[in-house]
Amino acid sequence: MWNPDLRNEIDFDSTWVEVPDTEESVNGFRAQWEEFIRHVVADTEHRYDFLAGARGMLLAEKGLESHRTGARIDLPEISADRVPDTVEGAETGEPARTEH
């Protein structure tokens, strides 16, 4: 069992094993963008719809807000019937846009 009060005798550097590069690393954003472009060209349904993108953007914005404030942040629901004008609108429950 690890005890922070005792010196650790394991030489972790000596146990290091190099992992070979056996495949090219692809940027995840690029891969998703290329997948989306293929879907547009093929005129097929995509596994993520507009609302999935909106939820992803809201999650990213709320993650940054949580980091900035040091607090946990509630995520409001987003649906086709309820899309806030702004993130602040989502927080306060202001009426949603009704434009279609």
N, C-alpha and C. Protein backbone atom coordinates (compact mmCIF):
# COMPACT_ATOMS: atom_id res chain seq x y z
N MET A 1 0.85 -1.17 0.00
CA MET A 1 0.00 0.00 0.00
C MET A 1 0.90 1.23 0.00
N TRP A 2 0.47 2.26 -0.73
CA TRP A 2 1.25 3.49 -0.83
C TRP A 2 1.11 4.31 0.44
N ASN A 3 2.21 4.80 0.93
CA ASN A 3 2.21 5.63 2.12
C ASN A 3 2.98 6.90 1.77
N PRO A 4 2.33 8.06 1.77
CA PRO A 4 3.01 9.30 1.37
C PRO A 4 4.12 9.71 2.33
N ASP A 5 4.17 9.12 3.51
CA ASP A 5 5.20 9.46 4.48
C ASP A 5 6.48 8.66 4.29
N LEU A 6 6.44 7.62 3.43
CA LEU A 6 7.62 6.78 3.19
C LEU A 6 8.15 7.02 1.79
N ARG A 7 9.46 6.96 1.66
CA ARG A 7 10.10 7.12 0.35
C ARG A 7 9.72 5.95 -0.55
N ASN A 8 9.38 6.24 -1.79
CA ASN A 8 9.03 5.19 -2.74
C ASN A 8 10.31 4.69 -3.40
N GLU A 9 10.57 3.41 -3.29
CA GLU A 9 11.81 2.81 -3.80
C GLU A 9 11.71 2.39 -5.26
N ILE A 10 10.57 2.52 -5.89
CA ILE A 10 10.41 2.10 -7.29
C ILE A 10 11.00 3.15 -8.22
N ASP A 11 11.85 2.70 -9.15
CA ASP A 11 12.40 3.59 -10.17
C ASP A 11 11.46 3.54 -11.37
N PHE A 12 10.50 4.44 -11.39
CA PHE A 12 9.47 4.41 -12.43
C PHE A 12 10.06 4.64 -13.82
N ASP A 13 11.11 5.45 -13.93
CA ASP A 13 11.73 5.70 -15.23
C ASP A 13 12.30 4.42 -15.84
N SER A 14 12.78 3.50 -15.00
CA SER A 14 13.36 2.27 -15.53
C SER A 14 12.30 1.31 -16.06
N THR A 15 11.06 1.52 -15.71
CA THR A 15 9.99 0.64 -16.18
C THR A 15 9.30 1.19 -17.44
N TRP A 16 9.79 2.33 -17.94
CA TRP A 16 9.19 2.98 -19.11
C TRP A 16 9.39 2.12 -20.36
N VAL A 17 8.34 1.97 -21.14
CA VAL A 17 8.41 1.21 -22.38
C VAL A 17 7.93 2.12 -23.51
N GLU A 18 8.75 2.28 -24.54
CA GLU A 18 8.36 3.09 -25.69
C GLU A 18 7.24 2.38 -26.45
N VAL A 19 6.24 3.14 -26.83
CA VAL A 19 5.14 2.60 -27.63
C VAL A 19 5.36 3.07 -29.07
N PRO A 20 5.45 2.15 -30.00
CA PRO A 20 5.73 2.55 -31.39
C PRO A 20 4.53 3.26 -32.01
N ASP A 21 4.83 4.19 -32.91
CA ASP A 21 3.79 4.85 -33.70
C ASP A 21 3.44 3.92 -34.84
N THR A 22 2.31 3.24 -34.72
CA THR A 22 1.92 2.29 -35.76
C THR A 22 0.84 2.84 -36.69
N GLU A 23 0.27 3.97 -36.32
CA GLU A 23 -0.74 4.57 -37.20
C GLU A 23 -0.70 6.09 -37.07
N GLU A 24 -1.17 6.74 -38.11
CA GLU A 24 -1.17 8.19 -38.14
C GLU A 24 -2.27 8.72 -37.22
N SER A 25 -1.94 9.71 -36.44
CA SER A 25 -2.91 10.34 -35.55
C SER A 25 -3.72 11.36 -36.34
N VAL A 26 -5.04 11.28 -36.26
CA VAL A 26 -5.91 12.18 -36.99
C VAL A 26 -6.60 13.13 -36.02
N ASN A 27 -6.61 14.40 -36.37
CA ASN A 27 -7.29 15.40 -35.56
C ASN A 27 -8.78 15.06 -35.50
N GLY A 28 -9.34 14.96 -34.30
CA GLY A 28 -10.74 14.58 -34.12
C GLY A 28 -11.70 15.55 -34.77
N PHE A 29 -11.42 16.85 -34.68
CA PHE A 29 -12.30 17.84 -35.29
C PHE A 29 -12.31 17.68 -36.81
N ARG A 30 -11.12 17.42 -37.37
CA ARG A 30 -11.03 17.22 -38.82
C ARG A 30 -11.82 15.98 -39.22
N ALA A 31 -11.67 14.89 -38.46
CA ALA A 31 -12.38 13.65 -38.78
C ALA A 31 -13.89 13.86 -38.76
N GLN A 32 -14.39 14.58 -37.75
CA GLN A 32 -15.83 14.84 -37.69
C GLN A 32 -16.28 15.74 -38.82
N TRP A 33 -15.47 16.74 -39.17
CA TRP A 33 -15.83 17.64 -40.26
C TRP A 33 -15.88 16.87 -41.58
N GLU A 34 -14.90 16.00 -41.82
CA GLU A 34 -14.89 15.20 -43.05
C GLU A 34 -16.09 14.26 -43.10
N GLU A 35 -16.46 13.70 -41.95
CA GLU A 35 -17.65 12.84 -41.90
C GLU A 35 -18.90 13.65 -42.26
N PHE A 36 -18.98 14.86 -41.75
CA PHE A 36 -20.13 15.71 -42.04
C PHE A 36 -20.19 16.07 -43.53
N ILE A 37 -19.05 16.42 -44.11
CA ILE A 37 -19.00 16.77 -45.54
C ILE A 37 -19.44 15.57 -46.39
N ARG A 38 -18.97 14.37 -46.05
CA ARG A 38 -19.39 13.17 -46.79
C ARG A 38 -20.90 13.00 -46.70
N HIS A 39 -21.48 13.26 -45.54
CA HIS A 39 -22.93 13.16 -45.36
C HIS A 39 -23.66 14.17 -46.23
N VAL A 40 -23.15 15.39 -46.33
CA VAL A 40 -23.78 16.42 -47.15
C VAL A 40 -23.72 16.03 -48.63
N VAL A 41 -22.55 15.59 -49.08
CA VAL A 41 -22.38 15.22 -50.48
C VAL A 41 -23.28 14.03 -50.84
N ALA A 42 -23.39 13.06 -49.94
CA ALA A 42 -24.20 11.87 -50.21
C ALA A 42 -25.69 12.12 -49.98
N ASP A 43 -26.03 13.29 -49.40
CA ASP A 43 -27.43 13.63 -49.09
C ASP A 43 -28.10 12.54 -48.25
N THR A 44 -27.41 12.15 -47.16
CA THR A 44 -27.94 11.15 -46.25
C THR A 44 -28.12 11.77 -44.87
N GLU A 45 -28.82 11.04 -44.01
CA GLU A 45 -28.99 11.53 -42.64
C GLU A 45 -27.68 11.39 -41.89
N HIS A 46 -27.42 12.34 -41.03
CA HIS A 46 -26.21 12.32 -40.21
C HIS A 46 -26.58 11.85 -38.82
N ARG A 47 -25.65 11.19 -38.15
CA ARG A 47 -25.97 10.65 -36.82
C ARG A 47 -26.17 11.74 -35.77
N TYR A 48 -25.64 12.95 -36.02
CA TYR A 48 -25.85 14.07 -35.11
C TYR A 48 -26.64 15.14 -35.83
N ASP A 49 -27.74 15.58 -35.22
CA ASP A 49 -28.56 16.61 -35.84
C ASP A 49 -28.19 18.00 -35.29
N PHE A 50 -28.91 19.00 -35.74
CA PHE A 50 -28.64 20.38 -35.34
C PHE A 50 -28.71 20.54 -33.82
N LEU A 51 -29.71 19.91 -33.20
CA LEU A 51 -29.85 20.05 -31.74
C LEU A 51 -28.69 19.39 -31.00
N ALA A 52 -28.14 18.32 -31.54
CA ALA A 52 -26.96 17.71 -30.92
C ALA A 52 -25.80 18.69 -30.96
N GLY A 53 -25.66 19.42 -32.05
CA GLY A 53 -24.61 20.44 -32.14
C GLY A 53 -24.84 21.56 -31.15
N ALA A 54 -26.12 21.99 -31.02
CA ALA A 54 -26.44 23.05 -30.07
C ALA A 54 -26.16 22.61 -28.64
N ARG A 55 -26.48 21.36 -28.32
CA ARG A 55 -26.19 20.84 -26.98
C ARG A 55 -24.68 20.79 -26.74
N GLY A 56 -23.92 20.41 -27.75
CA GLY A 56 -22.47 20.37 -27.62
C GLY A 56 -21.88 21.75 -27.38
N MET A 57 -22.39 22.74 -28.12
CA MET A 57 -21.91 24.12 -27.93
C MET A 57 -22.27 24.62 -26.54
N LEU A 58 -23.49 24.34 -26.08
CA LEU A 58 -23.90 24.77 -24.75
C LEU A 58 -23.03 24.12 -23.68
N LEU A 59 -22.75 22.83 -23.86
CA LEU A 59 -21.89 22.13 -22.90
C LEU A 59 -20.50 22.77 -22.85
N ALA A 60 -19.95 23.11 -24.02
CA ALA A 60 -18.62 23.75 -24.06
C ALA A 60 -18.67 25.11 -23.37
N GLU A 61 -19.70 25.91 -23.65
CA GLU A 61 -19.81 27.23 -23.04
C GLU A 61 -19.98 27.12 -21.53
N LYS A 62 -20.80 26.19 -21.09
CA LYS A 62 -21.02 26.01 -19.65
C LYS A 62 -19.76 25.46 -18.97
N GLY A 63 -19.00 24.63 -19.68
CA GLY A 63 -17.74 24.14 -19.12
C GLY A 63 -16.76 25.28 -18.88
N LEU A 64 -16.68 26.19 -19.85
CA LEU A 64 -15.81 27.37 -19.68
C LEU A 64 -16.31 28.25 -18.54
N GLU A 65 -17.63 28.42 -18.45
CA GLU A 65 -18.19 29.23 -17.37
C GLU A 65 -17.89 28.59 -16.01
N SER A 66 -18.04 27.28 -15.93
CA SER A 66 -17.76 26.58 -14.68
C SER A 66 -16.30 26.74 -14.28
N HIS A 67 -15.40 26.63 -15.25
CA HIS A 67 -13.98 26.81 -14.97
C HIS A 67 -13.69 28.24 -14.51
N ARG A 68 -14.31 29.20 -15.19
CA ARG A 68 -14.06 30.62 -14.86
C ARG A 68 -14.58 30.97 -13.46
N THR A 69 -15.76 30.45 -13.09
CA THR A 69 -16.37 30.81 -11.82
C THR A 69 -16.01 29.85 -10.68
N GLY A 70 -15.52 28.66 -11.04
CA GLY A 70 -15.20 27.67 -10.01
C GLY A 70 -16.44 27.04 -9.41
N ALA A 71 -17.56 27.11 -10.13
CA ALA A 71 -18.82 26.56 -9.62
C ALA A 71 -19.40 25.53 -10.58
N ARG A 72 -20.23 24.67 -10.06
CA ARG A 72 -20.97 23.75 -10.91
C ARG A 72 -22.09 24.52 -11.60
N ILE A 73 -22.36 24.18 -12.83
CA ILE A 73 -23.34 24.89 -13.64
C ILE A 73 -24.41 23.91 -14.12
N ASP A 74 -25.67 24.27 -13.95
CA ASP A 74 -26.76 23.45 -14.48
C ASP A 74 -26.87 23.66 -15.98
N LEU A 75 -27.19 22.58 -16.70
CA LEU A 75 -27.39 22.68 -18.14
C LEU A 75 -28.89 22.70 -18.43
N PRO A 76 -29.38 23.76 -19.08
CA PRO A 76 -30.80 23.80 -19.42
C PRO A 76 -31.10 22.83 -20.57
N GLU A 77 -32.34 22.40 -20.65
CA GLU A 77 -32.77 21.54 -21.75
C GLU A 77 -32.85 22.36 -23.02
N ILE A 78 -32.46 21.77 -24.11
CA ILE A 78 -32.62 22.39 -25.42
C ILE A 78 -33.46 21.44 -26.26
N SER A 79 -34.49 21.97 -26.87
CA SER A 79 -35.33 21.17 -27.76
C SER A 79 -35.72 22.05 -28.94
N ALA A 80 -36.37 21.45 -29.93
CA ALA A 80 -36.81 22.22 -31.09
C ALA A 80 -37.82 23.29 -30.68
N ASP A 81 -38.53 23.05 -29.59
CA ASP A 81 -39.53 24.01 -29.11
C ASP A 81 -38.94 25.06 -28.19
N ARG A 82 -37.76 24.81 -27.64
CA ARG A 82 -37.18 25.71 -26.64
C ARG A 82 -35.70 25.87 -26.89
N VAL A 83 -35.35 26.87 -27.69
CA VAL A 83 -33.95 27.20 -27.94
C VAL A 83 -33.74 28.61 -27.44
N PRO A 84 -32.91 28.79 -26.40
CA PRO A 84 -32.70 30.14 -25.86
C PRO A 84 -31.98 31.03 -26.86
N ASP A 85 -32.26 32.33 -26.80
CA ASP A 85 -31.58 33.29 -27.66
C ASP A 85 -30.10 33.34 -27.35
N THR A 86 -29.75 33.22 -26.09
CA THR A 86 -28.36 33.26 -25.64
C THR A 86 -28.19 32.27 -24.52
N VAL A 87 -26.96 32.05 -24.14
CA VAL A 87 -26.71 31.20 -22.98
C VAL A 87 -27.34 31.83 -21.75
N GLU A 88 -27.26 33.16 -21.65
CA GLU A 88 -27.87 33.84 -20.52
C GLU A 88 -29.38 33.60 -20.51
N GLY A 89 -29.99 33.58 -21.70
CA GLY A 89 -31.42 33.29 -21.79
C GLY A 89 -31.74 31.90 -21.29
N ALA A 90 -30.82 30.98 -21.53
CA ALA A 90 -31.02 29.62 -21.05
C ALA A 90 -30.99 29.60 -19.53
N GLU A 91 -30.12 30.42 -18.95
CA GLU A 91 -30.00 30.43 -17.50
C GLU A 91 -31.22 31.04 -16.82
N THR A 92 -31.78 32.09 -17.41
CA THR A 92 -32.86 32.81 -16.76
C THR A 92 -34.23 32.30 -17.15
N GLY A 93 -34.30 31.45 -18.14
CA GLY A 93 -35.60 30.94 -18.55
C GLY A 93 -36.39 31.93 -19.39
N GLU A 94 -35.70 32.89 -20.02
CA GLU A 94 -36.39 33.86 -20.87
C GLU A 94 -37.08 33.13 -22.01
N PRO A 95 -38.10 33.76 -22.58
CA PRO A 95 -38.83 33.10 -23.68
C PRO A 95 -37.89 32.74 -24.83
N ALA A 96 -38.18 31.63 -25.43
CA ALA A 96 -37.36 31.15 -26.54
C ALA A 96 -37.79 31.81 -27.84
N ARG A 97 -36.89 31.79 -28.82
CA ARG A 97 -37.24 32.25 -30.15
C ARG A 97 -38.28 31.31 -30.73
N THR A 98 -39.18 31.83 -31.50
CA THR A 98 -40.20 30.99 -32.12
C THR A 98 -40.08 31.01 -33.63
N GLU A 99 -39.01 31.63 -34.17
CA GLU A 99 -38.81 31.67 -35.60
C GLU A 99 -38.50 30.28 -36.12
N HIS A 100 -39.04 29.96 -37.31
CA HIS A 100 -38.75 28.67 -37.93
C HIS A 100 -38.30 28.87 -39.34
